[in-house]
Amino acid sequence: MGLGRALWGTVLAGSAAAVGHAAIRTRDGAEVDRELFVAANRGHGPGVDAVVGGVTELGSIVGPAAASAVLAIAGRRRAAARGLAAAAAAWLLLQGVKRLVERPRPSDADPDGTRLRIARPRATSWPSSHPAVLTAFSRVAARELGVRPAGRAALCGLDLLVAYSRVHVGVHYPSDVVSGLLLGRAVARWWPGRRRRRRARS
């Protein structure tokens, strides 16, 4: 891992902490976070709820595990293993952070004002692990596979969709998922990259 990537990872992790601090520890930040939550969590119709409810599970560890299995079957075992390992590391990191912060879920803080569309997860709210897990996996796997910018942009769109879905279904605040995305990117930056092959000497 190069110094530049390590520094970028640290900046991303620090940004995630700053977002969480603003939303949890300051009155203005908490108000903005709640307003954005209400806008995303309100009813958008049963069709949208069904689609978003399905998409949200792509960020669980099961999603990257399934994608890794497909990559392994396709002969890309290195990318599969590294991507899944990064996803697992992101999950473990965020589970530890959750225990330190202990932010209540929206449905715990305001049961009457939360439209909970899935079963309440056991862990606390900040940061959101689903977007972190998916982002760590997609960034590392894409790097190993040599995915081009257009493909990386599509993966980024999927990361954002899963992040939004966690707010839509009522289990996270917007700041939770923003911090999760940043931490997932940080893990991907910290993760060892593939080694470039040395050119054979003529």
Protein backbone atom coordinates (compact mmCIF):
# COMPACT_ATOMS: atom_id res chain seq x y z
CA MET A 1 0.00 0.00 0.00
CA GLY A 2 1.43 3.34 -1.07
CA LEU A 3 1.69 6.36 1.17
CA GLY A 4 -0.78 8.29 -0.99
CA ARG A 5 -3.46 5.64 -0.66
CA ALA A 6 -2.88 5.38 3.07
CA LEU A 7 -3.28 9.13 3.45
CA TRP A 8 -6.42 9.16 1.32
CA GLY A 9 -7.88 6.38 3.44
CA THR A 10 -7.16 8.35 6.59
CA VAL A 11 -8.78 11.47 5.12
CA LEU A 12 -11.89 9.47 4.17
CA ALA A 13 -12.13 7.94 7.65
CA GLY A 14 -11.70 11.35 9.25
CA SER A 15 -14.44 12.75 7.01
CA ALA A 16 -16.76 9.94 8.10
CA ALA A 17 -16.08 10.79 11.74
CA ALA A 18 -16.71 14.48 11.07
CA VAL A 19 -20.07 13.72 9.43
CA GLY A 20 -21.08 11.56 12.37
CA HIS A 21 -20.01 14.15 14.92
CA ALA A 22 -21.96 16.91 13.17
CA ALA A 23 -25.13 14.81 12.99
CA ILE A 24 -24.97 13.32 16.47
CA ARG A 25 -23.33 16.03 18.58
CA THR A 26 -24.63 19.30 17.10
CA ARG A 27 -28.20 20.56 17.13
CA ASP A 28 -28.19 21.93 13.58
CA GLY A 29 -26.64 18.76 12.22
CA ALA A 30 -29.19 16.58 13.98
CA GLU A 31 -32.06 18.66 12.61
CA VAL A 32 -30.81 18.46 9.04
CA ASP A 33 -30.23 14.73 9.42
CA ARG A 34 -33.77 14.22 10.68
CA GLU A 35 -35.32 16.33 7.91
CA LEU A 36 -33.47 14.38 5.24
CA PHE A 37 -34.49 11.13 6.90
CA VAL A 38 -38.16 12.07 6.87
CA ALA A 39 -37.97 13.01 3.17
CA ALA A 40 -36.42 9.67 2.19
CA ASN A 41 -38.43 7.50 4.59
CA ARG A 42 -41.91 8.73 3.70
CA GLY A 43 -44.16 6.56 1.55
CA HIS A 44 -43.35 6.33 -2.17
CA GLY A 45 -45.72 3.53 -3.10
CA PRO A 46 -45.68 -0.27 -2.63
CA GLY A 47 -43.79 -0.82 -5.88
CA VAL A 48 -40.89 1.40 -4.85
CA ASP A 49 -40.88 -0.13 -1.37
CA ALA A 50 -40.61 -3.63 -2.84
CA VAL A 51 -37.72 -2.73 -5.15
CA VAL A 52 -35.80 -0.77 -2.54
CA GLY A 53 -36.39 -3.49 0.05
CA GLY A 54 -34.76 -5.98 -2.29
CA VAL A 55 -31.86 -3.72 -3.20
CA THR A 56 -30.97 -3.01 0.42
CA GLU A 57 -29.88 -6.62 1.02
CA LEU A 58 -27.13 -6.31 -1.59
CA GLY A 59 -25.14 -4.50 1.08
CA SER A 60 -25.27 -7.33 3.59
CA ILE A 61 -22.22 -9.61 3.71
CA VAL A 62 -24.28 -12.14 1.76
CA GLY A 63 -24.21 -9.88 -1.34
CA PRO A 64 -20.40 -9.67 -1.64
CA ALA A 65 -20.15 -13.37 -0.75
CA ALA A 66 -22.44 -14.27 -3.65
CA ALA A 67 -20.56 -11.95 -6.02
CA SER A 68 -17.27 -13.49 -4.90
CA ALA A 69 -18.61 -16.97 -5.64
CA VAL A 70 -19.53 -15.87 -9.17
CA LEU A 71 -16.06 -14.36 -9.70
CA ALA A 72 -14.40 -17.53 -8.41
CA ILE A 73 -16.47 -19.70 -10.74
CA ALA A 74 -15.45 -17.39 -13.60
CA GLY A 75 -11.80 -18.00 -12.78
CA ARG A 76 -11.11 -14.70 -11.02
CA ARG A 77 -10.32 -16.20 -7.65
CA ARG A 78 -7.81 -13.54 -6.61
CA ALA A 79 -10.31 -10.73 -7.14
CA ALA A 80 -13.01 -12.76 -5.39
CA ALA A 81 -10.83 -13.47 -2.36
CA ARG A 82 -9.47 -9.95 -1.98
CA GLY A 83 -12.86 -8.31 -2.47
CA LEU A 84 -14.56 -10.57 0.05
CA ALA A 85 -11.75 -10.11 2.57
CA ALA A 86 -12.07 -6.31 2.28
CA ALA A 87 -15.84 -6.55 2.73
CA ALA A 88 -15.40 -8.71 5.85
CA ALA A 89 -12.84 -6.27 7.25
CA ALA A 90 -15.22 -3.36 6.68
CA TRP A 91 -18.02 -5.24 8.44
CA LEU A 92 -15.84 -6.04 11.44
CA LEU A 93 -14.54 -2.47 11.67
CA LEU A 94 -18.01 -0.93 11.61
CA GLN A 95 -19.44 -3.41 14.11
CA GLY A 96 -16.73 -2.29 16.52
CA VAL A 97 -17.39 1.40 15.87
CA LYS A 98 -21.13 0.87 16.40
CA ARG A 99 -20.43 -0.47 19.88
CA LEU A 100 -18.40 2.61 20.72
CA VAL A 101 -20.89 5.19 19.43
CA GLU A 102 -24.20 3.47 20.24
CA ARG A 103 -26.46 5.81 18.27
CA PRO A 104 -30.12 4.74 18.52
CA ARG A 105 -31.88 3.61 15.35
CA PRO A 106 -34.53 5.99 13.95
CA SER A 107 -37.27 3.59 15.04
CA ASP A 108 -35.89 3.63 18.60
CA ALA A 109 -35.51 7.41 18.78
CA ASP A 110 -38.89 8.15 17.19
CA PRO A 111 -41.10 5.05 16.81
CA ASP A 112 -44.18 7.00 15.71
CA GLY A 113 -42.28 9.07 13.17
CA THR A 114 -40.44 6.20 11.49
CA ARG A 115 -41.79 4.05 8.67
CA LEU A 116 -39.93 0.79 9.31
CA ARG A 117 -40.12 -1.40 6.19
CA ILE A 118 -37.86 -4.27 7.29
CA ALA A 119 -37.05 -5.98 10.57
CA ARG A 120 -34.98 -3.78 12.85
CA PRO A 121 -31.30 -4.82 12.75
CA ARG A 122 -29.74 -5.74 16.08
CA ALA A 123 -26.79 -3.31 16.02
CA THR A 124 -26.93 0.44 16.58
CA SER A 125 -27.28 3.07 13.89
CA TRP A 126 -23.98 4.89 13.21
CA PRO A 127 -22.26 4.12 10.92
CA SER A 128 -24.20 2.06 8.39
CA SER A 129 -22.36 -1.16 7.55
CA HIS A 130 -24.31 -2.10 4.39
CA PRO A 131 -22.90 0.65 2.15
CA ALA A 132 -19.46 0.23 3.75
CA VAL A 133 -19.36 -3.50 3.07
CA LEU A 134 -20.55 -3.16 -0.52
CA THR A 135 -18.25 -0.22 -1.26
CA ALA A 136 -15.18 -1.97 0.15
CA PHE A 137 -15.95 -5.06 -1.90
CA SER A 138 -16.73 -3.25 -5.15
CA ARG A 139 -13.69 -0.92 -4.96
CA VAL A 140 -11.19 -3.70 -4.21
CA ALA A 141 -12.69 -6.19 -6.67
CA ALA A 142 -12.83 -3.54 -9.40
CA ARG A 143 -9.18 -2.68 -8.80
CA GLU A 144 -8.16 -6.33 -9.03
CA LEU A 145 -10.21 -6.85 -12.20
CA GLY A 146 -8.96 -3.67 -13.85
CA VAL A 147 -12.48 -2.33 -14.31
CA ARG A 148 -12.61 0.79 -16.49
CA PRO A 149 -13.98 4.18 -15.32
CA ALA A 150 -17.45 3.57 -16.80
CA GLY A 151 -17.74 0.32 -14.88
CA ARG A 152 -16.48 1.95 -11.70
CA ALA A 153 -19.10 4.67 -12.07
CA ALA A 154 -21.81 2.01 -12.36
CA LEU A 155 -20.54 0.32 -9.21
CA CYS A 156 -20.52 3.69 -7.43
CA GLY A 157 -24.14 4.16 -8.45
CA LEU A 158 -25.01 0.79 -6.92
CA ASP A 159 -23.21 1.76 -3.70
CA LEU A 160 -25.25 4.97 -3.53
CA LEU A 161 -28.50 3.13 -4.22
CA VAL A 162 -27.88 0.70 -1.36
CA ALA A 163 -26.96 3.62 0.90
CA TYR A 164 -30.23 5.40 0.05
CA SER A 165 -32.19 2.19 0.58
CA ARG A 166 -31.11 1.98 4.22
CA VAL A 167 -32.73 5.36 4.89
CA HIS A 168 -35.79 4.57 2.78
CA VAL A 169 -36.57 1.41 4.76
CA GLY A 170 -36.18 3.29 8.04
CA VAL A 171 -33.14 1.68 9.66
CA HIS A 172 -30.58 4.50 9.23
CA TYR A 173 -30.22 8.26 9.13
CA PRO A 174 -28.59 9.89 6.07
CA SER A 175 -25.43 10.69 8.06
CA ASP A 176 -25.12 6.99 8.95
CA VAL A 177 -24.97 5.93 5.31
CA VAL A 178 -22.72 8.80 4.22
CA SER A 179 -20.25 7.82 6.92
CA GLY A 180 -20.61 4.18 5.90
CA LEU A 181 -19.77 5.00 2.29
CA LEU A 182 -16.72 7.00 3.35
CA LEU A 183 -15.48 4.25 5.67
CA GLY A 184 -15.98 1.64 2.97
CA ARG A 185 -13.86 3.72 0.60
CA ALA A 186 -11.26 4.14 3.37
CA VAL A 187 -10.99 0.37 3.84
CA ALA A 188 -10.60 -0.05 0.07
CA ARG A 189 -7.83 2.56 0.04
CA TRP A 190 -6.04 0.86 2.92
CA TRP A 191 -6.39 -2.58 1.36
CA PRO A 192 -3.24 -3.94 -0.38
CA GLY A 193 -3.50 -3.64 -4.15
CA ARG A 194 -2.36 -6.03 -6.82
CA ARG A 195 1.33 -5.98 -7.61
CA ARG A 196 2.35 -4.86 -11.04
CA ARG A 197 4.35 -7.41 -12.93
CA ARG A 198 7.87 -6.38 -13.72
CA ARG A 199 8.73 -6.19 -17.38
CA ALA A 200 11.03 -8.94 -18.46
CA ARG A 201 14.55 -7.75 -19.25
CA SER A 202 15.48 -8.05 -22.86
